[in-house]
């Protein structure tokens, strides 16, 4: 049994699911290179804006730090 199965088991979701674990890094320093007035230290929060498509997304262990 996978680690997410207890959360989605028991007919909670109509469509089949498959966890795909991936790590994405957002290079904030690259943003500063593109816009020298961008202050990476001033970033205090981030927002994920997802479309209204048929898929579902689970996010876990979100964080950010220095380069």
Protein backbone atom coordinates (compact mmCIF):
# COMPACT_ATOMS: atom_id res chain seq x y z
CA UNK A 1 0.00 0.00 0.00
CA UNK A 2 1.41 3.40 -0.99
CA UNK A 3 1.67 6.27 1.45
CA UNK A 4 -1.19 8.19 -0.19
CA UNK A 5 -3.60 5.28 -0.51
CA UNK A 6 -5.23 5.72 2.91
CA UNK A 7 -6.10 9.29 1.90
CA UNK A 8 -7.71 8.40 -1.43
CA UNK A 9 -8.97 4.88 -0.79
CA UNK A 10 -12.57 3.84 -0.27
CA UNK A 11 -14.17 5.38 -3.38
CA UNK A 12 -13.32 8.93 -2.39
CA UNK A 13 -12.38 9.72 -5.99
CA UNK A 14 -14.24 8.49 -9.06
CA UNK A 15 -11.21 8.49 -11.36
CA UNK A 16 -8.14 6.31 -10.87
CA UNK A 17 -5.11 8.05 -9.46
CA UNK A 18 -1.37 7.61 -9.76
CA UNK A 19 1.05 9.55 -7.59
CA UNK A 20 3.89 11.12 -9.56
CA UNK A 21 6.54 12.45 -7.21
CA UNK A 22 8.57 15.31 -8.66
CA UNK A 23 10.74 18.08 -7.32
CA UNK A 24 10.66 21.50 -8.92
CA UNK A 25 13.03 24.30 -8.07
CA UNK A 26 12.27 27.91 -8.88
CA UNK A 27 15.57 29.77 -9.25
CA UNK A 28 14.76 33.11 -7.63
CA UNK A 29 18.32 34.30 -8.34
CA UNK A 30 17.58 33.97 -12.07
CA UNK A 31 14.64 36.33 -11.58
CA UNK A 32 17.01 38.86 -9.99
CA UNK A 33 19.33 38.59 -12.99
CA UNK A 34 16.39 39.31 -15.29
CA UNK A 35 15.16 42.16 -13.07
CA UNK A 36 17.89 43.61 -10.81
CA UNK A 37 15.29 45.39 -8.64
CA UNK A 38 13.71 42.03 -7.68
CA UNK A 39 14.57 41.29 -4.04
CA UNK A 40 14.64 37.56 -3.33
CA UNK A 41 14.82 38.23 0.42
CA UNK A 42 11.51 40.10 0.22
CA UNK A 43 9.61 37.00 -0.94
CA UNK A 44 7.46 35.99 2.02
CA UNK A 45 4.83 33.84 0.33
CA UNK A 46 4.04 32.10 -2.91
CA UNK A 47 0.75 31.18 -4.57
CA UNK A 48 -0.12 28.31 -6.87
CA UNK A 49 -2.83 29.20 -9.37
CA UNK A 50 -4.16 26.11 -11.12
CA UNK A 51 -6.58 25.94 -14.02
CA UNK A 52 -10.01 24.42 -13.79
CA UNK A 53 -9.12 21.31 -15.77
CA UNK A 54 -10.16 17.79 -14.88
CA UNK A 55 -6.93 16.89 -13.03
CA UNK A 56 -6.10 17.01 -9.34
CA UNK A 57 -2.85 18.10 -7.74
CA UNK A 58 -1.45 17.29 -4.31
CA UNK A 59 1.34 19.51 -3.01
CA UNK A 60 3.54 18.60 -0.07
CA UNK A 61 6.66 19.90 1.64
CA UNK A 62 6.73 23.29 -0.02
CA UNK A 63 9.59 25.55 0.89
CA UNK A 64 12.11 27.95 -0.53
CA UNK A 65 15.54 29.11 0.42
CA UNK A 66 18.78 30.57 -0.81
CA UNK A 67 20.79 29.45 -3.78
